[in-house]
């Protein structure tokens, strides 16, 4: 039993590492609209929604390490941003969302995307001494947030549909009257 759990954990770590490496090596090199697909953040919210907070923390630590390894920000910034996104998404999931529906998953991934972008923009702004305007005043920030939100919502719909087809553990899309 312990070997099976260890094997699952190793497979999970390899899968998350692959997602982070693909994010750094491939997705960031795509054209502007396509490079806003955040595979790591989608994986983090997926792990939180379907497997719990512990799995989301594993995703944030493993993916944060790989993203920080190839980042120009200080080491630990991606880990900090992913951890903050996971913590706030977990808070929303446990405090406000009542069921595991497509709407809950979509809202959760949207909130995590906004938190991720705000936190990473804040860290990037304050870690680099420049005369550039504050990131919230730049149109590029809002454009990237919009593109990333669109990609995240499309991924949420696709992943939720695949999981809903494979399992019966999810709640109905609409509340049923009794």
C-alpha atoms as a PDB file:
ATOM      1  CA  UNK A   1       0.000   0.000   0.000  1.00  0.00           C
ATOM      2  CA  UNK A   2       2.823   2.414   0.835  1.00  0.00           C
ATOM      3  CA  UNK A   3       4.587   1.634  -2.442  1.00  0.00           C
ATOM      4  CA  UNK A   4       1.414   2.343  -4.374  1.00  0.00           C
ATOM      5  CA  UNK A   5       1.028   5.764  -2.678  1.00  0.00           C
ATOM      6  CA  UNK A   6       4.701   6.539  -3.310  1.00  0.00           C
ATOM      7  CA  UNK A   7       4.320   5.554  -6.956  1.00  0.00           C
ATOM      8  CA  UNK A   8       1.271   7.798  -7.325  1.00  0.00           C
ATOM      9  CA  UNK A   9       3.120  10.695  -5.699  1.00  0.00           C
ATOM     10  CA  UNK A  10       6.144  10.220  -7.976  1.00  0.00           C
ATOM     11  CA  UNK A  11       3.879  10.069 -11.043  1.00  0.00           C
ATOM     12  CA  UNK A  12       2.081  13.230  -9.862  1.00  0.00           C
ATOM     13  CA  UNK A  13       5.388  15.071  -9.361  1.00  0.00           C
ATOM     14  CA  UNK A  14       6.614  14.005 -12.813  1.00  0.00           C
ATOM     15  CA  UNK A  15       3.343  15.151 -14.393  1.00  0.00           C
ATOM     16  CA  UNK A  16       3.476  18.562 -12.678  1.00  0.00           C
ATOM     17  CA  UNK A  17       7.166  18.937 -13.568  1.00  0.00           C
ATOM     18  CA  UNK A  18       6.354  18.193 -17.197  1.00  0.00           C
ATOM     19  CA  UNK A  19       3.591  20.819 -17.166  1.00  0.00           C
ATOM     20  CA  UNK A  20       5.953  23.454 -15.725  1.00  0.00           C
ATOM     21  CA  UNK A  21       8.745  22.601 -18.158  1.00  0.00           C
ATOM     22  CA  UNK A  22       6.312  22.688 -21.100  1.00  0.00           C
ATOM     23  CA  UNK A  23       5.077  26.057 -19.833  1.00  0.00           C
ATOM     24  CA  UNK A  24       8.621  27.466 -19.764  1.00  0.00           C
ATOM     25  CA  UNK A  25      10.069  25.809 -22.830  1.00  0.00           C
ATOM     26  CA  UNK A  26       7.154  25.759 -25.237  1.00  0.00           C
ATOM     27  CA  UNK A  27       4.118  27.835 -24.324  1.00  0.00           C
ATOM     28  CA  UNK A  28       5.980  31.062 -23.499  1.00  0.00           C
ATOM     29  CA  UNK A  29       7.507  30.957 -27.005  1.00  0.00           C
ATOM     30  CA  UNK A  30       4.142  30.904 -28.779  1.00  0.00           C
ATOM     31  CA  UNK A  31       2.565  34.010 -30.385  1.00  0.00           C
ATOM     32  CA  UNK A  32       0.984  36.617 -28.061  1.00  0.00           C
ATOM     33  CA  UNK A  33      -2.565  35.273 -27.741  1.00  0.00           C
ATOM     34  CA  UNK A  34      -1.528  31.641 -27.468  1.00  0.00           C
ATOM     35  CA  UNK A  35       1.307  32.171 -24.987  1.00  0.00           C
ATOM     36  CA  UNK A  36      -1.160  33.194 -22.291  1.00  0.00           C
ATOM     37  CA  UNK A  37      -2.199  29.594 -21.715  1.00  0.00           C
ATOM     38  CA  UNK A  38      -1.110  28.992 -18.116  1.00  0.00           C
ATOM     39  CA  UNK A  39      -0.837  25.228 -17.876  1.00  0.00           C
ATOM     40  CA  UNK A  40       0.614  25.364 -14.362  1.00  0.00           C
ATOM     41  CA  UNK A  41      -2.209  27.455 -12.918  1.00  0.00           C
ATOM     42  CA  UNK A  42      -4.814  25.267 -14.596  1.00  0.00           C
ATOM     43  CA  UNK A  43      -3.111  22.194 -13.114  1.00  0.00           C
ATOM     44  CA  UNK A  44      -3.070  23.833  -9.691  1.00  0.00           C
ATOM     45  CA  UNK A  45      -6.791  24.617  -9.706  1.00  0.00           C
ATOM     46  CA  UNK A  46      -7.594  21.188 -11.120  1.00  0.00           C
ATOM     47  CA  UNK A  47      -5.633  19.540  -8.295  1.00  0.00           C
ATOM     48  CA  UNK A  48      -7.326  21.749  -5.701  1.00  0.00           C
ATOM     49  CA  UNK A  49     -10.821  21.173  -7.033  1.00  0.00           C
ATOM     50  CA  UNK A  50     -10.613  17.418  -7.533  1.00  0.00           C
ATOM     51  CA  UNK A  51      -7.906  16.236  -5.107  1.00  0.00           C
ATOM     52  CA  UNK A  52      -7.746  18.788  -2.285  1.00  0.00           C
ATOM     53  CA  UNK A  53      -5.508  21.456  -0.838  1.00  0.00           C
ATOM     54  CA  UNK A  54      -2.557  19.151  -0.167  1.00  0.00           C
ATOM     55  CA  UNK A  55      -2.324  18.216  -3.831  1.00  0.00           C
ATOM     56  CA  UNK A  56      -2.544  21.883  -4.811  1.00  0.00           C
ATOM     57  CA  UNK A  57       0.341  22.673  -2.475  1.00  0.00           C
ATOM     58  CA  UNK A  58       2.411  19.913  -4.068  1.00  0.00           C
ATOM     59  CA  UNK A  59       1.646  21.430  -7.480  1.00  0.00           C
ATOM     60  CA  UNK A  60       2.642  24.901  -6.284  1.00  0.00           C
ATOM     61  CA  UNK A  61       5.931  23.695  -4.783  1.00  0.00           C
ATOM     62  CA  UNK A  62       6.997  21.484  -7.693  1.00  0.00           C
ATOM     63  CA  UNK A  63       5.859  23.836 -10.464  1.00  0.00           C
ATOM     64  CA  UNK A  64       7.105  26.875  -8.546  1.00  0.00           C
ATOM     65  CA  UNK A  65      10.550  25.325  -8.350  1.00  0.00           C
ATOM     66  CA  UNK A  66      10.706  24.710 -12.121  1.00  0.00           C
ATOM     67  CA  UNK A  67       9.283  28.114 -13.010  1.00  0.00           C
ATOM     68  CA  UNK A  68      11.694  29.856 -10.613  1.00  0.00           C
ATOM     69  CA  UNK A  69      14.618  27.924 -11.993  1.00  0.00           C
ATOM     70  CA  UNK A  70      14.177  29.559 -15.396  1.00  0.00           C
ATOM     71  CA  UNK A  71      12.708  32.894 -14.289  1.00  0.00           C
ATOM     72  CA  UNK A  72      14.328  36.311 -14.238  1.00  0.00           C
ATOM     73  CA  UNK A  73      12.585  37.214 -10.972  1.00  0.00           C
ATOM     74  CA  UNK A  74      14.048  36.320  -7.605  1.00  0.00           C
ATOM     75  CA  UNK A  75      14.066  32.632  -6.730  1.00  0.00           C
ATOM     76  CA  UNK A  76      10.870  31.786  -4.907  1.00  0.00           C
ATOM     77  CA  UNK A  77       8.638  34.351  -6.584  1.00  0.00           C
ATOM     78  CA  UNK A  78       6.717  31.772  -8.639  1.00  0.00           C
ATOM     79  CA  UNK A  79       6.422  29.536  -5.609  1.00  0.00           C
ATOM     80  CA  UNK A  80       5.054  32.460  -3.600  1.00  0.00           C
ATOM     81  CA  UNK A  81       2.568  33.460  -6.321  1.00  0.00           C
ATOM     82  CA  UNK A  82       1.361  29.892  -6.863  1.00  0.00           C
ATOM     83  CA  UNK A  83       1.065  29.302  -3.125  1.00  0.00           C
ATOM     84  CA  UNK A  84      -0.945  32.497  -2.686  1.00  0.00           C
ATOM     85  CA  UNK A  85      -3.198  31.538  -5.606  1.00  0.00           C
ATOM     86  CA  UNK A  86      -3.749  28.081  -4.130  1.00  0.00           C
ATOM     87  CA  UNK A  87      -4.476  29.454  -0.648  1.00  0.00           C
ATOM     88  CA  UNK A  88      -6.992  32.041  -1.836  1.00  0.00           C
ATOM     89  CA  UNK A  89      -8.664  29.576  -4.216  1.00  0.00           C
ATOM     90  CA  UNK A  90      -8.916  27.090  -1.339  1.00  0.00           C
ATOM     91  CA  UNK A  91     -10.466  29.768   0.864  1.00  0.00           C
ATOM     92  CA  UNK A  92     -13.057  30.583  -1.806  1.00  0.00           C
ATOM     93  CA  UNK A  93     -13.747  26.903  -2.442  1.00  0.00           C
ATOM     94  CA  UNK A  94     -14.387  26.152   1.221  1.00  0.00           C
ATOM     95  CA  UNK A  95     -16.092  29.414   2.208  1.00  0.00           C
ATOM     96  CA  UNK A  96     -18.352  30.392  -0.681  1.00  0.00           C
ATOM     97  CA  UNK A  97     -18.781  27.588  -3.156  1.00  0.00           C
ATOM     98  CA  UNK A  98     -21.335  24.996  -2.117  1.00  0.00           C
ATOM     99  CA  UNK A  99     -20.933  22.259  -4.708  1.00  0.00           C
ATOM    100  CA  UNK A 100     -18.545  20.845  -7.262  1.00  0.00           C
ATOM    101  CA  UNK A 101     -20.134  22.052 -10.470  1.00  0.00           C
ATOM    102  CA  UNK A 102     -18.871  23.519 -13.713  1.00  0.00           C
ATOM    103  CA  UNK A 103     -19.814  26.970 -12.475  1.00  0.00           C
ATOM    104  CA  UNK A 104     -17.821  26.513  -9.279  1.00  0.00           C
ATOM    105  CA  UNK A 105     -14.813  25.248 -11.195  1.00  0.00           C
ATOM    106  CA  UNK A 106     -15.044  28.106 -13.699  1.00  0.00           C
ATOM    107  CA  UNK A 107     -15.317  30.719 -10.952  1.00  0.00           C
ATOM    108  CA  UNK A 108     -12.468  29.158  -9.022  1.00  0.00           C
ATOM    109  CA  UNK A 109     -10.139  29.137 -12.018  1.00  0.00           C
ATOM    110  CA  UNK A 110     -11.074  32.742 -12.838  1.00  0.00           C
ATOM    111  CA  UNK A 111     -10.333  33.888  -9.280  1.00  0.00           C
ATOM    112  CA  UNK A 112      -7.021  32.007  -9.263  1.00  0.00           C
ATOM    113  CA  UNK A 113      -6.083  33.593 -12.613  1.00  0.00           C
ATOM    114  CA  UNK A 114      -6.774  37.106 -11.334  1.00  0.00           C
ATOM    115  CA  UNK A 115      -4.877  36.491  -8.074  1.00  0.00           C
ATOM    116  CA  UNK A 116      -1.956  34.932  -9.960  1.00  0.00           C
ATOM    117  CA  UNK A 117      -1.655  37.872 -12.349  1.00  0.00           C
ATOM    118  CA  UNK A 118      -2.025  40.528  -9.661  1.00  0.00           C
ATOM    119  CA  UNK A 119       0.522  38.849  -7.400  1.00  0.00           C
ATOM    120  CA  UNK A 120       3.053  38.194 -10.161  1.00  0.00           C
ATOM    121  CA  UNK A 121       2.613  41.739 -11.505  1.00  0.00           C
ATOM    122  CA  UNK A 122       3.179  43.194  -8.042  1.00  0.00           C
ATOM    123  CA  UNK A 123       6.296  41.111  -7.455  1.00  0.00           C
ATOM    124  CA  UNK A 124       7.701  41.940 -10.889  1.00  0.00           C
ATOM    125  CA  UNK A 125       7.008  45.660 -10.438  1.00  0.00           C
ATOM    126  CA  UNK A 126       8.641  45.942  -7.032  1.00  0.00           C
ATOM    127  CA  UNK A 127      11.554  43.598  -7.711  1.00  0.00           C
ATOM    128  CA  UNK A 128      12.785  45.552 -10.733  1.00  0.00           C
ATOM    129  CA  UNK A 129      13.810  49.146 -10.165  1.00  0.00           C
ATOM    130  CA  UNK A 130      12.536  50.941 -13.219  1.00  0.00           C
ATOM    131  CA  UNK A 131      10.765  54.086 -14.225  1.00  0.00           C
ATOM    132  CA  UNK A 132       8.001  52.099 -15.941  1.00  0.00           C
ATOM    133  CA  UNK A 133       4.422  52.957 -15.022  1.00  0.00           C
ATOM    134  CA  UNK A 134       2.611  50.836 -12.450  1.00  0.00           C
ATOM    135  CA  UNK A 135       1.469  47.557 -14.012  1.00  0.00           C
ATOM    136  CA  UNK A 136      -2.247  48.162 -13.378  1.00  0.00           C
ATOM    137  CA  UNK A 137      -2.079  51.254 -15.578  1.00  0.00           C
ATOM    138  CA  UNK A 138      -0.683  49.369 -18.559  1.00  0.00           C
ATOM    139  CA  UNK A 139      -3.019  48.043 -21.239  1.00  0.00           C
ATOM    140  CA  UNK A 140      -0.748  45.027 -21.803  1.00  0.00           C
ATOM    141  CA  UNK A 141      -1.449  43.732 -18.271  1.00  0.00           C
ATOM    142  CA  UNK A 142      -5.206  43.829 -18.814  1.00  0.00           C
ATOM    143  CA  UNK A 143      -4.898  42.279 -22.269  1.00  0.00           C
ATOM    144  CA  UNK A 144      -2.807  39.410 -20.890  1.00  0.00           C
ATOM    145  CA  UNK A 145      -5.262  38.938 -18.017  1.00  0.00           C
ATOM    146  CA  UNK A 146      -8.138  38.745 -20.482  1.00  0.00           C
ATOM    147  CA  UNK A 147      -6.350  36.234 -22.726  1.00  0.00           C
ATOM    148  CA  UNK A 148      -5.289  34.122 -19.765  1.00  0.00           C
ATOM    149  CA  UNK A 149      -8.833  34.155 -18.385  1.00  0.00           C
ATOM    150  CA  UNK A 150     -10.236  33.025 -21.722  1.00  0.00           C
ATOM    151  CA  UNK A 151      -7.740  30.153 -21.983  1.00  0.00           C
ATOM    152  CA  UNK A 152      -8.355  29.163 -18.362  1.00  0.00           C
ATOM    153  CA  UNK A 153     -12.126  29.098 -18.798  1.00  0.00           C
ATOM    154  CA  UNK A 154     -11.855  27.043 -21.983  1.00  0.00           C
ATOM    155  CA  UNK A 155      -9.578  24.595 -20.191  1.00  0.00           C
ATOM    156  CA  UNK A 156     -12.003  24.493 -17.247  1.00  0.00           C
ATOM    157  CA  UNK A 157     -14.907  23.571 -19.504  1.00  0.00           C
ATOM    158  CA  UNK A 158     -12.878  20.905 -21.291  1.00  0.00           C
ATOM    159  CA  UNK A 159     -11.371  19.339 -18.169  1.00  0.00           C
ATOM    160  CA  UNK A 160     -14.617  19.426 -16.195  1.00  0.00           C
ATOM    161  CA  UNK A 161     -16.475  17.772 -19.055  1.00  0.00           C
ATOM    162  CA  UNK A 162     -13.866  15.018 -19.296  1.00  0.00           C
ATOM    163  CA  UNK A 163     -13.916  14.361 -15.557  1.00  0.00           C
ATOM    164  CA  UNK A 164     -17.722  14.508 -15.406  1.00  0.00           C
ATOM    165  CA  UNK A 165     -17.914  11.918 -18.178  1.00  0.00           C
ATOM    166  CA  UNK A 166     -15.471   9.659 -16.345  1.00  0.00           C
ATOM    167  CA  UNK A 167     -16.945   9.857 -12.834  1.00  0.00           C
ATOM    168  CA  UNK A 168     -20.260  10.361 -11.060  1.00  0.00           C
ATOM    169  CA  UNK A 169     -18.793  12.158  -8.015  1.00  0.00           C
ATOM    170  CA  UNK A 170     -19.646  15.639  -9.314  1.00  0.00           C
ATOM    171  CA  UNK A 171     -22.825  17.469  -8.355  1.00  0.00           C
ATOM    172  CA  UNK A 172     -25.458  18.401 -10.932  1.00  0.00           C
ATOM    173  CA  UNK A 173     -25.067  21.613 -12.883  1.00  0.00           C
ATOM    174  CA  UNK A 174     -28.311  23.035 -11.510  1.00  0.00           C
ATOM    175  CA  UNK A 175     -29.893  22.712  -8.090  1.00  0.00           C
ATOM    176  CA  UNK A 176     -32.678  20.149  -8.077  1.00  0.00           C
ATOM    177  CA  UNK A 177     -36.020  20.884  -6.419  1.00  0.00           C
ATOM    178  CA  UNK A 178     -37.231  18.238  -4.004  1.00  0.00           C
END
